[in-house]
Amino acid sequence: MLTLMVEEYKSSADKSKTENLVGVINTAYERSLKRHHGFMSKQLFKLVIHAAPYRRNILKAVALGKDGLDDVCIEHIANHLDNFRINVGVLVDYYLAKKLETPAS
């Protein structure tokens, strides 16, 4: 989700159009967790996603309550994404090795 949020923010000339994260969260869900969920969980996700925070709220929290630091926060998040991907990859490999996870189709 963070990768998609950063990519969308950086690629958009009008930053206000990337404010609503429902599309980003939905895409991330489709790519990762959806295959693990049954009918009820998928329906619940469709309902819960409408309570998703706006990008400005997430970035303000990252900026410890300060406004106007969106670009700085996005860069800080982007700088940590490679390490985050590596850590998630190690966890996925562990789950696969222990047969706790099914490979993505």
PDB file of N, CA and C in Angstrom:
ATOM      1  N   MET A   1       0.820  -1.185   0.000  1.00  0.00           N
ATOM      2  CA  MET A   1       0.000   0.000   0.000  1.00  0.00           C
ATOM      3  C   MET A   1       0.870   1.258   0.000  1.00  0.00           C
ATOM      4  N   LEU A   2       1.913   1.237   0.814  1.00  0.00           N
ATOM      5  CA  LEU A   2       2.780   2.420   0.872  1.00  0.00           C
ATOM      6  C   LEU A   2       3.454   2.680  -0.465  1.00  0.00           C
ATOM      7  N   THR A   3       3.880   1.620  -1.137  1.00  0.00           N
ATOM      8  CA  THR A   3       4.503   1.779  -2.454  1.00  0.00           C
ATOM      9  C   THR A   3       3.537   2.432  -3.425  1.00  0.00           C
ATOM     10  N   LEU A   4       2.314   1.945  -3.448  1.00  0.00           N
ATOM     11  CA  LEU A   4       1.308   2.507  -4.350  1.00  0.00           C
ATOM     12  C   LEU A   4       0.997   3.959  -4.004  1.00  0.00           C
ATOM     13  N   MET A   5       0.928   4.269  -2.708  1.00  0.00           N
ATOM     14  CA  MET A   5       0.653   5.638  -2.286  1.00  0.00           C
ATOM     15  C   MET A   5       1.768   6.575  -2.757  1.00  0.00           C
ATOM     16  N   VAL A   6       3.014   6.158  -2.585  1.00  0.00           N
ATOM     17  CA  VAL A   6       4.155   6.980  -3.001  1.00  0.00           C
ATOM     18  C   VAL A   6       4.163   7.154  -4.517  1.00  0.00           C
ATOM     19  N   GLU A   7       3.958   6.058  -5.256  1.00  0.00           N
ATOM     20  CA  GLU A   7       3.951   6.142  -6.721  1.00  0.00           C
ATOM     21  C   GLU A   7       2.853   7.070  -7.220  1.00  0.00           C
ATOM     22  N   GLU A   8       1.662   6.939  -6.649  1.00  0.00           N
ATOM     23  CA  GLU A   8       0.541   7.782  -7.076  1.00  0.00           C
ATOM     24  C   GLU A   8       0.813   9.247  -6.763  1.00  0.00           C
ATOM     25  N   TYR A   9       1.343   9.517  -5.589  1.00  0.00           N
ATOM     26  CA  TYR A   9       1.644  10.892  -5.181  1.00  0.00           C
ATOM     27  C   TYR A   9       2.681  11.515  -6.113  1.00  0.00           C
ATOM     28  N   LYS A  10       3.749  10.774  -6.385  1.00  0.00           N
ATOM     29  CA  LYS A  10       4.829  11.311  -7.218  1.00  0.00           C
ATOM     30  C   LYS A  10       4.419  11.485  -8.675  1.00  0.00           C
ATOM     31  N   SER A  11       3.510  10.655  -9.161  1.00  0.00           N
ATOM     32  CA  SER A  11       3.139  10.720 -10.581  1.00  0.00           C
ATOM     33  C   SER A  11       2.016  11.706 -10.869  1.00  0.00           C
ATOM     34  N   SER A  12       1.393  12.244  -9.842  1.00  0.00           N
ATOM     35  CA  SER A  12       0.248  13.129 -10.034  1.00  0.00           C
ATOM     36  C   SER A  12       0.665  14.596  -9.977  1.00  0.00           C
ATOM     37  N   ALA A  13       0.291  15.336 -11.011  1.00  0.00           N
ATOM     38  CA  ALA A  13       0.559  16.778 -11.009  1.00  0.00           C
ATOM     39  C   ALA A  13      -0.356  17.483 -10.014  1.00  0.00           C
ATOM     40  N   ASP A  14      -1.599  17.025  -9.916  1.00  0.00           N
ATOM     41  CA  ASP A  14      -2.576  17.597  -8.987  1.00  0.00           C
ATOM     42  C   ASP A  14      -2.640  16.702  -7.754  1.00  0.00           C
ATOM     43  N   LYS A  15      -1.917  17.089  -6.713  1.00  0.00           N
ATOM     44  CA  LYS A  15      -1.822  16.264  -5.504  1.00  0.00           C
ATOM     45  C   LYS A  15      -3.171  16.044  -4.825  1.00  0.00           C
ATOM     46  N   SER A  16      -4.120  16.946  -5.016  1.00  0.00           N
ATOM     47  CA  SER A  16      -5.430  16.776  -4.381  1.00  0.00           C
ATOM     48  C   SER A  16      -6.172  15.568  -4.947  1.00  0.00           C
ATOM     49  N   LYS A  17      -5.836  15.167  -6.175  1.00  0.00           N
ATOM     50  CA  LYS A  17      -6.498  14.007  -6.776  1.00  0.00           C
ATOM     51  C   LYS A  17      -6.021  12.696  -6.161  1.00  0.00           C
ATOM     52  N   THR A  18      -4.910  12.710  -5.447  1.00  0.00           N
ATOM     53  CA  THR A  18      -4.394  11.493  -4.815  1.00  0.00           C
ATOM     54  C   THR A  18      -4.737  11.449  -3.329  1.00  0.00           C
ATOM     55  N   GLU A  19      -5.606  12.335  -2.904  1.00  0.00           N
ATOM     56  CA  GLU A  19      -5.938  12.462  -1.484  1.00  0.00           C
ATOM     57  C   GLU A  19      -6.694  11.242  -0.950  1.00  0.00           C
ATOM     58  N   ASN A  20      -7.638  10.738  -1.724  1.00  0.00           N
ATOM     59  CA  ASN A  20      -8.443   9.597  -1.299  1.00  0.00           C
ATOM     60  C   ASN A  20      -7.664   8.315  -1.580  1.00  0.00           C
ATOM     61  N   LEU A  21      -7.428   7.517  -0.548  1.00  0.00           N
ATOM     62  CA  LEU A  21      -6.598   6.321  -0.678  1.00  0.00           C
ATOM     63  C   LEU A  21      -7.392   5.045  -0.924  1.00  0.00           C
ATOM     64  N   VAL A  22      -8.701   5.141  -1.113  1.00  0.00           N
ATOM     65  CA  VAL A  22      -9.520   3.944  -1.303  1.00  0.00           C
ATOM     66  C   VAL A  22      -9.016   3.126  -2.493  1.00  0.00           C
ATOM     67  N   GLY A  23      -8.704   3.774  -3.601  1.00  0.00           N
ATOM     68  CA  GLY A  23      -8.210   3.058  -4.778  1.00  0.00           C
ATOM     69  C   GLY A  23      -6.879   2.374  -4.518  1.00  0.00           C
ATOM     70  N   VAL A  24      -5.986   3.067  -3.836  1.00  0.00           N
ATOM     71  CA  VAL A  24      -4.670   2.515  -3.505  1.00  0.00           C
ATOM     72  C   VAL A  24      -4.821   1.307  -2.583  1.00  0.00           C
ATOM     73  N   ILE A  25      -5.635   1.442  -1.558  1.00  0.00           N
ATOM     74  CA  ILE A  25      -5.829   0.352  -0.604  1.00  0.00           C
ATOM     75  C   ILE A  25      -6.492  -0.837  -1.287  1.00  0.00           C
ATOM     76  N   ASN A  26      -7.470  -0.566  -2.125  1.00  0.00           N
ATOM     77  CA  ASN A  26      -8.161  -1.642  -2.836  1.00  0.00           C
ATOM     78  C   ASN A  26      -7.201  -2.397  -3.756  1.00  0.00           C
ATOM     79  N   THR A  27      -6.356  -1.682  -4.471  1.00  0.00           N
ATOM     80  CA  THR A  27      -5.374  -2.324  -5.348  1.00  0.00           C
ATOM     81  C   THR A  27      -4.400  -3.175  -4.537  1.00  0.00           C
ATOM     82  N   ALA A  28      -3.925  -2.645  -3.424  1.00  0.00           N
ATOM     83  CA  ALA A  28      -3.008  -3.400  -2.564  1.00  0.00           C
ATOM     84  C   ALA A  28      -3.686  -4.661  -2.031  1.00  0.00           C
ATOM     85  N   TYR A  29      -4.939  -4.551  -1.647  1.00  0.00           N
ATOM     86  CA  TYR A  29      -5.698  -5.700  -1.154  1.00  0.00           C
ATOM     87  C   TYR A  29      -5.845  -6.757  -2.245  1.00  0.00           C
ATOM     88  N   GLU A  30      -6.184  -6.313  -3.448  1.00  0.00           N
ATOM     89  CA  GLU A  30      -6.352  -7.238  -4.581  1.00  0.00           C
ATOM     90  C   GLU A  30      -5.058  -8.011  -4.839  1.00  0.00           C
ATOM     91  N   ARG A  31      -3.922  -7.334  -4.717  1.00  0.00           N
ATOM     92  CA  ARG A  31      -2.626  -7.945  -5.027  1.00  0.00           C
ATOM     93  C   ARG A  31      -2.091  -8.831  -3.908  1.00  0.00           C
ATOM     94  N   SER A  32      -2.610  -8.670  -2.697  1.00  0.00           N
ATOM     95  CA  SER A  32      -1.981  -9.386  -1.587  1.00  0.00           C
ATOM     96  C   SER A  32      -2.931 -10.272  -0.784  1.00  0.00           C
ATOM     97  N   LEU A  33      -3.874  -9.713  -0.114  1.00  0.00           N
ATOM     98  CA  LEU A  33      -4.663 -10.468   0.858  1.00  0.00           C
ATOM     99  C   LEU A  33      -5.941 -11.102   0.330  1.00  0.00           C
ATOM    100  N   LYS A  34      -6.481 -10.577  -0.721  1.00  0.00           N
ATOM    101  CA  LYS A  34      -7.799 -11.016  -1.184  1.00  0.00           C
ATOM    102  C   LYS A  34      -7.868 -12.523  -1.415  1.00  0.00           C
ATOM    103  N   ARG A  35      -6.814 -13.104  -1.952  1.00  0.00           N
ATOM    104  CA  ARG A  35      -6.836 -14.534  -2.261  1.00  0.00           C
ATOM    105  C   ARG A  35      -6.946 -15.401  -1.011  1.00  0.00           C
ATOM    106  N   HIS A  36      -6.643 -14.843   0.135  1.00  0.00           N
ATOM    107  CA  HIS A  36      -6.721 -15.587   1.390  1.00  0.00           C
ATOM    108  C   HIS A  36      -8.082 -15.466   2.070  1.00  0.00           C
ATOM    109  N   HIS A  37      -8.929 -14.598   1.581  1.00  0.00           N
ATOM    110  CA  HIS A  37     -10.187 -14.305   2.252  1.00  0.00           C
ATOM    111  C   HIS A  37     -11.359 -15.014   1.604  1.00  0.00           C
ATOM    112  N   GLY A  38     -12.280 -15.424   2.443  1.00  0.00           N
ATOM    113  CA  GLY A  38     -13.518 -16.023   1.966  1.00  0.00           C
ATOM    114  C   GLY A  38     -14.537 -14.943   1.628  1.00  0.00           C
ATOM    115  N   PHE A  39     -15.712 -15.381   1.257  1.00  0.00           N
ATOM    116  CA  PHE A  39     -16.771 -14.472   0.818  1.00  0.00           C
ATOM    117  C   PHE A  39     -17.077 -13.402   1.866  1.00  0.00           C
ATOM    118  N   MET A  40     -17.261 -13.806   3.112  1.00  0.00           N
ATOM    119  CA  MET A  40     -17.639 -12.845   4.160  1.00  0.00           C
ATOM    120  C   MET A  40     -16.535 -11.805   4.392  1.00  0.00           C
ATOM    121  N   SER A  41     -15.302 -12.247   4.428  1.00  0.00           N
ATOM    122  CA  SER A  41     -14.191 -11.309   4.639  1.00  0.00           C
ATOM    123  C   SER A  41     -14.084 -10.308   3.495  1.00  0.00           C
ATOM    124  N   LYS A  42     -14.292 -10.781   2.278  1.00  0.00           N
ATOM    125  CA  LYS A  42     -14.237  -9.884   1.116  1.00  0.00           C
ATOM    126  C   LYS A  42     -15.344  -8.841   1.184  1.00  0.00           C
ATOM    127  N   GLN A  43     -16.529  -9.253   1.615  1.00  0.00           N
ATOM    128  CA  GLN A  43     -17.647  -8.315   1.735  1.00  0.00           C
ATOM    129  C   GLN A  43     -17.382  -7.309   2.851  1.00  0.00           C
ATOM    130  N   LEU A  44     -16.822  -7.784   3.947  1.00  0.00           N
ATOM    131  CA  LEU A  44     -16.483  -6.895   5.058  1.00  0.00           C
ATOM    132  C   LEU A  44     -15.427  -5.874   4.626  1.00  0.00           C
ATOM    133  N   PHE A  45     -14.453  -6.317   3.852  1.00  0.00           N
ATOM    134  CA  PHE A  45     -13.425  -5.394   3.361  1.00  0.00           C
ATOM    135  C   PHE A  45     -14.056  -4.292   2.521  1.00  0.00           C
ATOM    136  N   LYS A  46     -15.003  -4.654   1.667  1.00  0.00           N
ATOM    137  CA  LYS A  46     -15.682  -3.656   0.829  1.00  0.00           C
ATOM    138  C   LYS A  46     -16.362  -2.590   1.680  1.00  0.00           C
ATOM    139  N   LEU A  47     -16.850  -2.976   2.829  1.00  0.00           N
ATOM    140  CA  LEU A  47     -17.509  -2.038   3.735  1.00  0.00           C
ATOM    141  C   LEU A  47     -16.477  -1.198   4.501  1.00  0.00           C
ATOM    142  N   VAL A  48     -15.488  -1.860   5.045  1.00  0.00           N
ATOM    143  CA  VAL A  48     -14.502  -1.201   5.908  1.00  0.00           C
ATOM    144  C   VAL A  48     -13.619  -0.218   5.137  1.00  0.00           C
ATOM    145  N   ILE A  49     -13.376  -0.476   3.871  1.00  0.00           N
ATOM    146  CA  ILE A  49     -12.470   0.379   3.092  1.00  0.00           C
ATOM    147  C   ILE A  49     -12.963   1.827   3.025  1.00  0.00           C
ATOM    148  N   HIS A  50     -14.247   2.022   3.198  1.00  0.00           N
ATOM    149  CA  HIS A  50     -14.787   3.386   3.146  1.00  0.00           C
ATOM    150  C   HIS A  50     -14.427   4.209   4.384  1.00  0.00           C
ATOM    151  N   ALA A  51     -13.870   3.559   5.390  1.00  0.00           N
ATOM    152  CA  ALA A  51     -13.397   4.267   6.584  1.00  0.00           C
ATOM    153  C   ALA A  51     -11.899   4.572   6.489  1.00  0.00           C
ATOM    154  N   ALA A  52     -11.307   4.327   5.334  1.00  0.00           N
ATOM    155  CA  ALA A  52      -9.866   4.546   5.151  1.00  0.00           C
ATOM    156  C   ALA A  52      -9.517   6.020   5.343  1.00  0.00           C
ATOM    157  N   PRO A  53      -8.382   6.285   5.971  1.00  0.00           N
ATOM    158  CA  PRO A  53      -7.974   7.682   6.153  1.00  0.00           C
ATOM    159  C   PRO A  53      -7.542   8.301   4.826  1.00  0.00           C
ATOM    160  N   TYR A  54      -7.567   9.607   4.790  1.00  0.00           N
ATOM    161  CA  TYR A  54      -7.051  10.322   3.630  1.00  0.00           C
ATOM    162  C   TYR A  54      -5.528  10.399   3.726  1.00  0.00           C
ATOM    163  N   ARG A  55      -4.899  10.585   2.580  1.00  0.00           N
ATOM    164  CA  ARG A  55      -3.442  10.669   2.534  1.00  0.00           C
ATOM    165  C   ARG A  55      -2.928  11.757   3.464  1.00  0.00           C
ATOM    166  N   ARG A  56      -3.588  12.904   3.476  1.00  0.00           N
ATOM    167  CA  ARG A  56      -3.111  14.022   4.311  1.00  0.00           C
ATOM    168  C   ARG A  56      -3.078  13.634   5.789  1.00  0.00           C
ATOM    169  N   ASN A  57      -4.024  12.807   6.231  1.00  0.00           N
ATOM    170  CA  ASN A  57      -4.057  12.384   7.638  1.00  0.00           C
ATOM    171  C   ASN A  57      -2.885  11.450   7.956  1.00  0.00           C
ATOM    172  N   ILE A  58      -2.584  10.542   7.029  1.00  0.00           N
ATOM    173  CA  ILE A  58      -1.453   9.636   7.238  1.00  0.00           C
ATOM    174  C   ILE A  58      -0.149  10.425   7.261  1.00  0.00           C
ATOM    175  N   LEU A  59       0.006  11.327   6.300  1.00  0.00           N
ATOM    176  CA  LEU A  59       1.255  12.096   6.232  1.00  0.00           C
ATOM    177  C   LEU A  59       1.393  13.058   7.406  1.00  0.00           C
ATOM    178  N   LYS A  60       0.296  13.594   7.897  1.00  0.00           N
ATOM    179  CA  LYS A  60       0.354  14.466   9.075  1.00  0.00           C
ATOM    180  C   LYS A  60       0.783  13.661  10.300  1.00  0.00           C
ATOM    181  N   ALA A  61       0.312  12.423  10.401  1.00  0.00           N
ATOM    182  CA  ALA A  61       0.732  11.561  11.512  1.00  0.00           C
ATOM    183  C   ALA A  61       2.225  11.242  11.404  1.00  0.00           C
ATOM    184  N   VAL A  62       2.698  10.979  10.192  1.00  0.00           N
ATOM    185  CA  VAL A  62       4.127  10.718   9.975  1.00  0.00           C
ATOM    186  C   VAL A  62       4.947  11.958  10.335  1.00  0.00           C
ATOM    187  N   ALA A  63       4.383  13.142  10.085  1.00  0.00           N
ATOM    188  CA  ALA A  63       5.070  14.413  10.377  1.00  0.00           C
ATOM    189  C   ALA A  63       4.846  14.865  11.817  1.00  0.00           C
ATOM    190  N   LEU A  64       4.359  13.965  12.654  1.00  0.00           N
ATOM    191  CA  LEU A  64       4.130  14.257  14.075  1.00  0.00           C
ATOM    192  C   LEU A  64       3.211  15.456  14.284  1.00  0.00           C
ATOM    193  N   GLY A  65       2.160  15.527  13.459  1.00  0.00           N
ATOM    194  CA  GLY A  65       1.137  16.550  13.616  1.00  0.00           C
ATOM    195  C   GLY A  65       1.394  17.857  12.892  1.00  0.00           C
ATOM    196  N   LYS A  66       2.505  17.970  12.202  1.00  0.00           N
ATOM    197  CA  LYS A  66       2.831  19.219  11.497  1.00  0.00           C
ATOM    198  C   LYS A  66       2.263  19.189  10.084  1.00  0.00           C
ATOM    199  N   ASP A  67       1.755  20.333   9.646  1.00  0.00           N
ATOM    200  CA  ASP A  67       1.210  20.457   8.293  1.00  0.00           C
ATOM    201  C   ASP A  67       2.290  20.910   7.316  1.00  0.00           C
ATOM    202  N   GLY A  68       2.047  20.662   6.026  1.00  0.00           N
ATOM    203  CA  GLY A  68       2.915  21.178   4.978  1.00  0.00           C
ATOM    204  C   GLY A  68       4.187  20.385   4.734  1.00  0.00           C
ATOM    205  N   LEU A  69       4.272  19.191   5.282  1.00  0.00           N
ATOM    206  CA  LEU A  69       5.484  18.389   5.104  1.00  0.00           C
ATOM    207  C   LEU A  69       5.231  17.152   4.242  1.00  0.00           C
ATOM    208  N   ASP A  70       4.202  17.212   3.402  1.00  0.00           N
ATOM    209  CA  ASP A  70       3.835  16.049   2.593  1.00  0.00           C
ATOM    210  C   ASP A  70       4.992  15.551   1.740  1.00  0.00           C
ATOM    211  N   ASP A  71       5.655  16.451   1.023  1.00  0.00           N
ATOM    212  CA  ASP A  71       6.760  16.038   0.150  1.00  0.00           C
ATOM    213  C   ASP A  71       7.894  15.383   0.945  1.00  0.00           C
ATOM    214  N   VAL A  72       8.211  15.945   2.083  1.00  0.00           N
ATOM    215  CA  VAL A  72       9.272  15.399   2.937  1.00  0.00           C
ATOM    216  C   VAL A  72       8.887  14.010   3.430  1.00  0.00           C
ATOM    217  N   CYS A  73       7.649  13.865   3.883  1.00  0.00           N
ATOM    218  CA  CYS A  73       7.186  12.570   4.394  1.00  0.00           C
ATOM    219  C   CYS A  73       7.159  11.514   3.300  1.00  0.00           C
ATOM    220  N   ILE A  74       6.698  11.894   2.119  1.00  0.00           N
ATOM    221  CA  ILE A  74       6.671  10.949   0.995  1.00  0.00           C
ATOM    222  C   ILE A  74       8.092  10.480   0.684  1.00  0.00           C
ATOM    223  N   GLU A  75       9.051  11.397   0.698  1.00  0.00           N
ATOM    224  CA  GLU A  75      10.444  11.010   0.436  1.00  0.00           C
ATOM    225  C   GLU A  75      10.982  10.088   1.525  1.00  0.00           C
ATOM    226  N   HIS A  76      10.652  10.370   2.775  1.00  0.00           N
ATOM    227  CA  HIS A  76      11.102   9.497   3.869  1.00  0.00           C
ATOM    228  C   HIS A  76      10.509   8.104   3.718  1.00  0.00           C
ATOM    229  N   ILE A  77       9.226   8.030   3.399  1.00  0.00           N
ATOM    230  CA  ILE A  77       8.585   6.726   3.187  1.00  0.00           C
ATOM    231  C   ILE A  77       9.254   6.013   2.016  1.00  0.00           C
ATOM    232  N   ALA A  78       9.462   6.725   0.912  1.00  0.00           N
ATOM    233  CA  ALA A  78      10.085   6.131  -0.278  1.00  0.00           C
ATOM    234  C   ALA A  78      11.482   5.596   0.039  1.00  0.00           C
ATOM    235  N   ASN A  79      12.228   6.308   0.865  1.00  0.00           N
ATOM    236  CA  ASN A  79      13.584   5.880   1.222  1.00  0.00           C
ATOM    237  C   ASN A  79      13.602   4.577   2.012  1.00  0.00           C
ATOM    238  N   HIS A  80      12.528   4.266   2.695  1.00  0.00           N
ATOM    239  CA  HIS A  80      12.470   3.052   3.516  1.00  0.00           C
ATOM    240  C   HIS A  80      11.785   1.881   2.819  1.00  0.00           C
ATOM    241  N   LEU A  81      11.229   2.103   1.644  1.00  0.00           N
ATOM    242  CA  LEU A  81      10.472   1.043   0.972  1.00  0.00           C
ATOM    243  C   LEU A  81      11.335  -0.152   0.576  1.00  0.00           C
ATOM    244  N   ASP A  82      12.563   0.067   0.145  1.00  0.00           N
ATOM    245  CA  ASP A  82      13.420  -1.063  -0.236  1.00  0.00           C
ATOM    246  C   ASP A  82      13.682  -1.987   0.952  1.00  0.00           C
ATOM    247  N   ASN A  83      14.013  -1.402   2.104  1.00  0.00           N
ATOM    248  CA  ASN A  83      14.226  -2.224   3.304  1.00  0.00           C
ATOM    249  C   ASN A  83      12.944  -2.937   3.710  1.00  0.00           C
ATOM    250  N   PHE A  84      11.841  -2.254   3.592  1.00  0.00           N
ATOM    251  CA  PHE A  84      10.551  -2.852   3.933  1.00  0.00           C
ATOM    252  C   PHE A  84      10.272  -4.052   3.025  1.00  0.00           C
ATOM    253  N   ARG A  85      10.510  -3.888   1.718  1.00  0.00           N
ATOM    254  CA  ARG A  85      10.302  -4.989   0.757  1.00  0.00           C
ATOM    255  C   ARG A  85      11.187  -6.184   1.091  1.00  0.00           C
ATOM    256  N   ILE A  86      12.429  -5.924   1.447  1.00  0.00           N
ATOM    257  CA  ILE A  86      13.352  -7.006   1.808  1.00  0.00           C
ATOM    258  C   ILE A  86      12.821  -7.760   3.024  1.00  0.00           C
ATOM    259  N   ASN A  87      12.391  -7.036   4.045  1.00  0.00           N
ATOM    260  CA  ASN A  87      11.866  -7.679   5.252  1.00  0.00           C
ATOM    261  C   ASN A  87      10.615  -8.495   4.964  1.00  0.00           C
ATOM    262  N   VAL A  88       9.716  -7.946   4.175  1.00  0.00           N
ATOM    263  CA  VAL A  88       8.498  -8.680   3.820  1.00  0.00           C
ATOM    264  C   VAL A  88       8.866  -9.917   2.999  1.00  0.00           C
ATOM    265  N   GLY A  89       9.824  -9.786   2.092  1.00  0.00           N
ATOM    266  CA  GLY A  89      10.274 -10.928   1.298  1.00  0.00           C
ATOM    267  C   GLY A  89      10.811 -12.057   2.159  1.00  0.00           C
ATOM    268  N   VAL A  90      11.575 -11.715   3.180  1.00  0.00           N
ATOM    269  CA  VAL A  90      12.102 -12.723   4.105  1.00  0.00           C
ATOM    270  C   VAL A  90      10.952 -13.420   4.829  1.00  0.00           C
ATOM    271  N   LEU A  91       9.969 -12.661   5.260  1.00  0.00           N
ATOM    272  CA  LEU A  91       8.813 -13.263   5.932  1.00  0.00           C
ATOM    273  C   LEU A  91       8.037 -14.185   4.999  1.00  0.00           C
ATOM    274  N   VAL A  92       7.827 -13.760   3.768  1.00  0.00           N
ATOM    275  CA  VAL A  92       7.115 -14.596   2.793  1.00  0.00           C
ATOM    276  C   VAL A  92       7.896 -15.878   2.538  1.00  0.00           C
ATOM    277  N   ASP A  93       9.210 -15.769   2.368  1.00  0.00           N
ATOM    278  CA  ASP A  93      10.039 -16.962   2.156  1.00  0.00           C
ATOM    279  C   ASP A  93       9.939 -17.923   3.336  1.00  0.00           C
ATOM    280  N   TYR A  94       9.931 -17.384   4.541  1.00  0.00           N
ATOM    281  CA  TYR A  94       9.790 -18.216   5.743  1.00  0.00           C
ATOM    282  C   TYR A  94       8.448 -18.944   5.733  1.00  0.00           C
ATOM    283  N   TYR A  95       7.387 -18.221   5.441  1.00  0.00           N
ATOM    284  CA  TYR A  95       6.063 -18.838   5.392  1.00  0.00           C
ATOM    285  C   TYR A  95       6.005 -19.927   4.333  1.00  0.00           C
ATOM    286  N   LEU A  96       6.611 -19.680   3.181  1.00  0.00           N
ATOM    287  CA  LEU A  96       6.636 -20.691   2.118  1.00  0.00           C
ATOM    288  C   LEU A  96       7.437 -21.918   2.549  1.00  0.00           C
ATOM    289  N   ALA A  97       8.583 -21.694   3.185  1.00  0.00           N
ATOM    290  CA  ALA A  97       9.425 -22.803   3.639  1.00  0.00           C
ATOM    291  C   ALA A  97       8.707 -23.663   4.674  1.00  0.00           C
ATOM    292  N   LYS A  98       7.907 -23.051   5.506  1.00  0.00           N
ATOM    293  CA  LYS A  98       7.169 -23.774   6.551  1.00  0.00           C
ATOM    294  C   LYS A  98       5.799 -24.248   6.075  1.00  0.00           C
ATOM    295  N   LYS A  99       5.531 -24.013   4.786  1.00  0.00           N
ATOM    296  CA  LYS A  99       4.249 -24.387   4.175  1.00  0.00           C
ATOM    297  C   LYS A  99       3.054 -23.741   4.886  1.00  0.00           C
ATOM    298  N   LEU A 100       3.259 -22.512   5.299  1.00  0.00           N
ATOM    299  CA  LEU A 100       2.203 -21.730   5.942  1.00  0.00           C
ATOM    300  C   LEU A 100       1.539 -20.772   4.966  1.00  0.00           C
ATOM    301  N   GLU A 101       2.112 -20.645   3.789  1.00  0.00           N
ATOM    302  CA  GLU A 101       1.643 -19.689   2.790  1.00  0.00           C
ATOM    303  C   GLU A 101       1.553 -20.391   1.450  1.00  0.00           C
ATOM    304  N   THR A 102       0.593 -19.989   0.663  1.00  0.00           N
ATOM    305  CA  THR A 102       0.503 -20.513  -0.697  1.00  0.00           C
ATOM    306  C   THR A 102       1.128 -19.492  -1.631  1.00  0.00           C
ATOM    307  N   PRO A 103       1.904 -19.945  -2.612  1.00  0.00           N
ATOM    308  CA  PRO A 103       2.516 -18.994  -3.537  1.00  0.00           C
ATOM    309  C   PRO A 103       1.459 -18.228  -4.317  1.00  0.00           C
ATOM    310  N   ALA A 104       1.780 -16.999  -4.664  1.00  0.00           N
ATOM    311  CA  ALA A 104       0.850 -16.179  -5.458  1.00  0.00           C
ATOM    312  C   ALA A 104       0.655 -16.832  -6.812  1.00  0.00           C
ATOM    313  N   SER A 105      -0.584 -16.775  -7.282  1.00  0.00           N
ATOM    314  CA  SER A 105      -0.859 -17.389  -8.587  1.00  0.00           C
ATOM    315  C   SER A 105      -0.782 -16.395  -9.702  1.00  0.00           C
TER     316      SER A 105
END
